[in-house]
Amino acid sequence: MRNYEAARPVRSERQVSVYLDFAAGGLRLMPGAPGTLYRLEARYDTERFIPVSAYEAREGRLTLGLRSAGSSGIRVTSRKHLEQQATVWLSPEVEYALELTLGAAESRIDLGGLRLRDLMLRAGGSRTRLIFSRPGVGACREAVLEAGAGELVVDR
């Protein structure tokens, strides 16, 4: 298991398209501190997964997550391999088109207070709790939620 961190300050961004792909483990996403466009902290299995943090400023595109390194499944040879996790914070100052793809994950997604232009959530074999802990800012044009062989709970 290895730790990974990435962050970027808000510069002149007004709108950003975020693609978050989280293959397996525990995920938390929530509003972050003003002045920070995003922050990612992850603990992952280096033999099975690769952390992703790529920002293309010109296109206003941010790609984050833990992707499969080619081997299938999660290796569980000891209890520490069950601890794969990531936490993502997004700035409340920027408008987001947010696309989340969750695999075998246990996720808590709090979008309260964020500026959402669009939301696409695909939850595969996951247990996902989508929370709006406080009202969002602005108007979300479209929100699409898809759940596979898992559980999706939406609060507020």
C-alpha atoms as a PDB file:
ATOM      1  CA  MET A   1       0.000   0.000   0.000  1.00  0.00           C
ATOM      2  CA  ARG A   2       1.239   3.482  -0.844  1.00  0.00           C
ATOM      3  CA  ASN A   3       0.031   7.029  -0.146  1.00  0.00           C
ATOM      4  CA  TYR A   4      -0.543   9.569  -2.912  1.00  0.00           C
ATOM      5  CA  GLU A   5      -1.442  13.268  -2.763  1.00  0.00           C
ATOM      6  CA  ALA A   6      -2.168  15.871  -5.431  1.00  0.00           C
ATOM      7  CA  ALA A   7      -3.620  19.380  -5.327  1.00  0.00           C
ATOM      8  CA  ARG A   8      -3.900  22.524  -7.411  1.00  0.00           C
ATOM      9  CA  PRO A   9      -4.833  26.087  -6.436  1.00  0.00           C
ATOM     10  CA  VAL A  10      -7.674  27.954  -8.108  1.00  0.00           C
ATOM     11  CA  ARG A  11      -6.257  30.340 -10.660  1.00  0.00           C
ATOM     12  CA  SER A  12      -8.582  31.849 -13.261  1.00  0.00           C
ATOM     13  CA  GLU A  13     -10.882  28.815 -13.538  1.00  0.00           C
ATOM     14  CA  ARG A  14     -14.622  29.480 -13.679  1.00  0.00           C
ATOM     15  CA  GLN A  15     -15.798  26.121 -15.092  1.00  0.00           C
ATOM     16  CA  VAL A  16     -14.133  22.720 -14.928  1.00  0.00           C
ATOM     17  CA  SER A  17     -15.189  19.301 -16.192  1.00  0.00           C
ATOM     18  CA  VAL A  18     -14.239  16.670 -13.628  1.00  0.00           C
ATOM     19  CA  TYR A  19     -13.943  12.968 -14.454  1.00  0.00           C
ATOM     20  CA  LEU A  20     -13.486  10.845 -11.348  1.00  0.00           C
ATOM     21  CA  ASP A  21     -12.929   7.113 -11.840  1.00  0.00           C
ATOM     22  CA  PHE A  22     -12.635   5.056  -8.663  1.00  0.00           C
ATOM     23  CA  ALA A  23     -12.261   1.327  -9.203  1.00  0.00           C
ATOM     24  CA  ALA A  24     -12.369  -0.101  -5.676  1.00  0.00           C
ATOM     25  CA  GLY A  25     -12.176   0.757  -1.988  1.00  0.00           C
ATOM     26  CA  GLY A  26     -13.500   3.646   0.060  1.00  0.00           C
ATOM     27  CA  LEU A  27     -14.129   7.051  -1.510  1.00  0.00           C
ATOM     28  CA  ARG A  28     -15.124  10.360   0.032  1.00  0.00           C
ATOM     29  CA  LEU A  29     -15.816  13.470  -2.045  1.00  0.00           C
ATOM     30  CA  MET A  30     -16.732  16.792  -0.462  1.00  0.00           C
ATOM     31  CA  PRO A  31     -16.440  20.572  -0.748  1.00  0.00           C
ATOM     32  CA  GLY A  32     -12.932  21.803  -0.094  1.00  0.00           C
ATOM     33  CA  ALA A  33     -11.321  25.001   1.044  1.00  0.00           C
ATOM     34  CA  PRO A  34     -11.693  28.145  -1.051  1.00  0.00           C
ATOM     35  CA  GLY A  35      -8.568  28.750  -3.084  1.00  0.00           C
ATOM     36  CA  THR A  36      -7.890  25.072  -3.802  1.00  0.00           C
ATOM     37  CA  LEU A  37      -9.316  23.799  -7.102  1.00  0.00           C
ATOM     38  CA  TYR A  38      -8.966  20.191  -5.969  1.00  0.00           C
ATOM     39  CA  ARG A  39      -7.134  18.020  -3.499  1.00  0.00           C
ATOM     40  CA  LEU A  40      -6.759  14.239  -3.692  1.00  0.00           C
ATOM     41  CA  GLU A  41      -5.388  12.039  -0.927  1.00  0.00           C
ATOM     42  CA  ALA A  42      -5.264   8.298  -1.609  1.00  0.00           C
ATOM     43  CA  ARG A  43      -3.935   5.083  -0.150  1.00  0.00           C
ATOM     44  CA  TYR A  44      -3.789   2.371  -2.790  1.00  0.00           C
ATOM     45  CA  ASP A  45      -2.490  -1.084  -3.737  1.00  0.00           C
ATOM     46  CA  THR A  46       0.497  -0.391  -6.023  1.00  0.00           C
ATOM     47  CA  GLU A  47       0.301  -3.800  -7.695  1.00  0.00           C
ATOM     48  CA  ARG A  48      -3.329  -3.428  -8.776  1.00  0.00           C
ATOM     49  CA  PHE A  49      -4.079   0.283  -9.117  1.00  0.00           C
ATOM     50  CA  ILE A  50      -2.638   3.533 -10.435  1.00  0.00           C
ATOM     51  CA  PRO A  51      -3.502   6.950  -8.993  1.00  0.00           C
ATOM     52  CA  VAL A  52      -4.660   9.499 -11.555  1.00  0.00           C
ATOM     53  CA  SER A  53      -4.436  13.259 -11.222  1.00  0.00           C
ATOM     54  CA  ALA A  54      -4.320  15.170 -14.491  1.00  0.00           C
ATOM     55  CA  TYR A  55      -5.450  18.741 -15.100  1.00  0.00           C
ATOM     56  CA  GLU A  56      -5.621  20.235 -18.575  1.00  0.00           C
ATOM     57  CA  ALA A  57      -6.015  23.955 -17.934  1.00  0.00           C
ATOM     58  CA  ARG A  58      -6.637  24.940 -21.561  1.00  0.00           C
ATOM     59  CA  GLU A  59      -9.577  22.497 -21.834  1.00  0.00           C
ATOM     60  CA  GLY A  60     -10.763  22.994 -18.255  1.00  0.00           C
ATOM     61  CA  ARG A  61     -10.626  19.221 -17.731  1.00  0.00           C
ATOM     62  CA  LEU A  62      -9.650  17.440 -14.509  1.00  0.00           C
ATOM     63  CA  THR A  63      -9.236  13.655 -14.302  1.00  0.00           C
ATOM     64  CA  LEU A  64      -8.887  12.027 -10.877  1.00  0.00           C
ATOM     65  CA  GLY A  65      -9.099   8.604  -9.299  1.00  0.00           C
ATOM     66  CA  LEU A  66      -7.660   5.155  -8.877  1.00  0.00           C
ATOM     67  CA  ARG A  67      -7.675   3.053 -12.036  1.00  0.00           C
ATOM     68  CA  SER A  68      -6.939  -0.615 -12.503  1.00  0.00           C
ATOM     69  CA  ALA A  69      -3.334  -1.373 -13.445  1.00  0.00           C
ATOM     70  CA  GLY A  70      -4.485  -4.265 -15.621  1.00  0.00           C
ATOM     71  CA  SER A  71      -4.960  -6.966 -12.994  1.00  0.00           C
ATOM     72  CA  SER A  72      -8.532  -7.673 -12.111  1.00  0.00           C
ATOM     73  CA  GLY A  73     -10.031  -7.557  -8.665  1.00  0.00           C
ATOM     74  CA  ILE A  74      -8.690  -6.485  -5.322  1.00  0.00           C
ATOM     75  CA  ARG A  75      -5.891  -8.503  -3.795  1.00  0.00           C
ATOM     76  CA  VAL A  76      -6.664  -9.336  -0.190  1.00  0.00           C
ATOM     77  CA  THR A  77      -3.745 -11.220   1.329  1.00  0.00           C
ATOM     78  CA  SER A  78      -3.970  -9.277   4.567  1.00  0.00           C
ATOM     79  CA  ARG A  79      -6.293  -6.834   6.299  1.00  0.00           C
ATOM     80  CA  LYS A  80      -4.237  -3.823   5.113  1.00  0.00           C
ATOM     81  CA  HIS A  81      -5.319  -4.466   1.506  1.00  0.00           C
ATOM     82  CA  LEU A  82      -8.901  -3.699   2.493  1.00  0.00           C
ATOM     83  CA  GLU A  83      -7.834  -0.164   3.403  1.00  0.00           C
ATOM     84  CA  GLN A  84      -7.572   1.248  -0.134  1.00  0.00           C
ATOM     85  CA  GLN A  85      -9.220   4.656   0.014  1.00  0.00           C
ATOM     86  CA  ALA A  86      -9.314   8.133  -1.442  1.00  0.00           C
ATOM     87  CA  THR A  87     -10.633  11.521  -0.378  1.00  0.00           C
ATOM     88  CA  VAL A  88     -11.307  14.281  -2.907  1.00  0.00           C
ATOM     89  CA  TRP A  89     -12.078  17.907  -2.119  1.00  0.00           C
ATOM     90  CA  LEU A  90     -13.429  20.316  -4.771  1.00  0.00           C
ATOM     91  CA  SER A  91     -13.526  24.096  -4.547  1.00  0.00           C
ATOM     92  CA  PRO A  92     -16.885  25.755  -3.826  1.00  0.00           C
ATOM     93  CA  GLU A  93     -15.731  28.679  -6.028  1.00  0.00           C
ATOM     94  CA  VAL A  94     -15.735  26.884  -9.392  1.00  0.00           C
ATOM     95  CA  GLU A  95     -18.664  25.554 -11.457  1.00  0.00           C
ATOM     96  CA  TYR A  96     -18.312  21.840 -12.209  1.00  0.00           C
ATOM     97  CA  ALA A  97     -19.596  19.378 -14.754  1.00  0.00           C
ATOM     98  CA  LEU A  98     -19.006  16.311 -12.582  1.00  0.00           C
ATOM     99  CA  GLU A  99     -18.832  12.756 -13.930  1.00  0.00           C
ATOM    100  CA  LEU A 100     -18.243   9.982 -11.389  1.00  0.00           C
ATOM    101  CA  THR A 101     -17.670   6.318 -12.221  1.00  0.00           C
ATOM    102  CA  LEU A 102     -17.527   4.031  -9.209  1.00  0.00           C
ATOM    103  CA  GLY A 103     -16.614   0.343  -9.285  1.00  0.00           C
ATOM    104  CA  ALA A 104     -16.506  -1.868  -6.201  1.00  0.00           C
ATOM    105  CA  ALA A 105     -16.532   1.097  -3.861  1.00  0.00           C
ATOM    106  CA  GLU A 106     -18.025   2.256  -0.595  1.00  0.00           C
ATOM    107  CA  SER A 107     -18.588   5.962  -1.294  1.00  0.00           C
ATOM    108  CA  ARG A 108     -19.818   9.030   0.526  1.00  0.00           C
ATOM    109  CA  ILE A 109     -20.292  11.883  -1.953  1.00  0.00           C
ATOM    110  CA  ASP A 110     -21.239  15.240  -0.376  1.00  0.00           C
ATOM    111  CA  LEU A 111     -21.993  17.838  -3.040  1.00  0.00           C
ATOM    112  CA  GLY A 112     -23.501  20.378  -0.636  1.00  0.00           C
ATOM    113  CA  GLY A 113     -22.474  23.928  -1.403  1.00  0.00           C
ATOM    114  CA  LEU A 114     -20.772  23.084  -4.703  1.00  0.00           C
ATOM    115  CA  ARG A 115     -21.584  24.784  -7.991  1.00  0.00           C
ATOM    116  CA  LEU A 116     -22.831  21.960 -10.225  1.00  0.00           C
ATOM    117  CA  ARG A 117     -23.550  22.598 -13.877  1.00  0.00           C
ATOM    118  CA  ASP A 118     -24.082  18.896 -14.623  1.00  0.00           C
ATOM    119  CA  LEU A 119     -23.840  15.660 -12.649  1.00  0.00           C
ATOM    120  CA  MET A 120     -23.385  12.123 -13.979  1.00  0.00           C
ATOM    121  CA  LEU A 121     -22.993   9.381 -11.366  1.00  0.00           C
ATOM    122  CA  ARG A 122     -22.443   5.762 -12.431  1.00  0.00           C
ATOM    123  CA  ALA A 123     -22.269   3.394  -9.479  1.00  0.00           C
ATOM    124  CA  GLY A 124     -21.464  -0.218 -10.368  1.00  0.00           C
ATOM    125  CA  GLY A 125     -21.175  -2.812  -7.611  1.00  0.00           C
ATOM    126  CA  SER A 126     -20.869  -0.140  -4.986  1.00  0.00           C
ATOM    127  CA  ARG A 127     -22.550   1.185  -1.878  1.00  0.00           C
ATOM    128  CA  THR A 128     -22.922   4.894  -2.541  1.00  0.00           C
ATOM    129  CA  ARG A 129     -24.400   7.638  -0.394  1.00  0.00           C
ATOM    130  CA  LEU A 130     -24.971  10.924  -2.276  1.00  0.00           C
ATOM    131  CA  ILE A 131     -25.539  13.797   0.122  1.00  0.00           C
ATOM    132  CA  PHE A 132     -26.425  17.445  -0.337  1.00  0.00           C
ATOM    133  CA  SER A 133     -25.496  18.656   3.152  1.00  0.00           C
ATOM    134  CA  ARG A 134     -26.405  22.230   2.231  1.00  0.00           C
ATOM    135  CA  PRO A 135     -27.949  23.883  -0.820  1.00  0.00           C
ATOM    136  CA  GLY A 136     -25.861  24.098  -3.954  1.00  0.00           C
ATOM    137  CA  VAL A 137     -25.009  27.375  -5.626  1.00  0.00           C
ATOM    138  CA  GLY A 138     -26.526  28.117  -9.035  1.00  0.00           C
ATOM    139  CA  ALA A 139     -28.607  25.754 -11.121  1.00  0.00           C
ATOM    140  CA  CYS A 140     -27.679  22.219 -12.124  1.00  0.00           C
ATOM    141  CA  ARG A 141     -28.846  21.714 -15.724  1.00  0.00           C
ATOM    142  CA  GLU A 142     -28.939  17.935 -15.560  1.00  0.00           C
ATOM    143  CA  ALA A 143     -28.305  15.220 -12.961  1.00  0.00           C
ATOM    144  CA  VAL A 144     -28.221  11.580 -14.043  1.00  0.00           C
ATOM    145  CA  LEU A 145     -27.798   8.802 -11.474  1.00  0.00           C
ATOM    146  CA  GLU A 146     -27.210   5.188 -12.539  1.00  0.00           C
ATOM    147  CA  ALA A 147     -26.853   2.311 -10.103  1.00  0.00           C
ATOM    148  CA  GLY A 148     -25.842  -1.235 -10.979  1.00  0.00           C
ATOM    149  CA  ALA A 149     -25.672  -4.215  -8.636  1.00  0.00           C
ATOM    150  CA  GLY A 150     -25.210  -2.070  -5.571  1.00  0.00           C
ATOM    151  CA  GLU A 151     -26.900   0.439  -3.341  1.00  0.00           C
ATOM    152  CA  LEU A 152     -27.453   4.139  -4.021  1.00  0.00           C
ATOM    153  CA  VAL A 153     -28.933   6.389  -1.325  1.00  0.00           C
ATOM    154  CA  VAL A 154     -29.595  10.084  -1.970  1.00  0.00           C
ATOM    155  CA  ASP A 155     -30.016  12.427   1.020  1.00  0.00           C
ATOM    156  CA  ARG A 156     -31.451  15.948   0.871  1.00  0.00           C
END
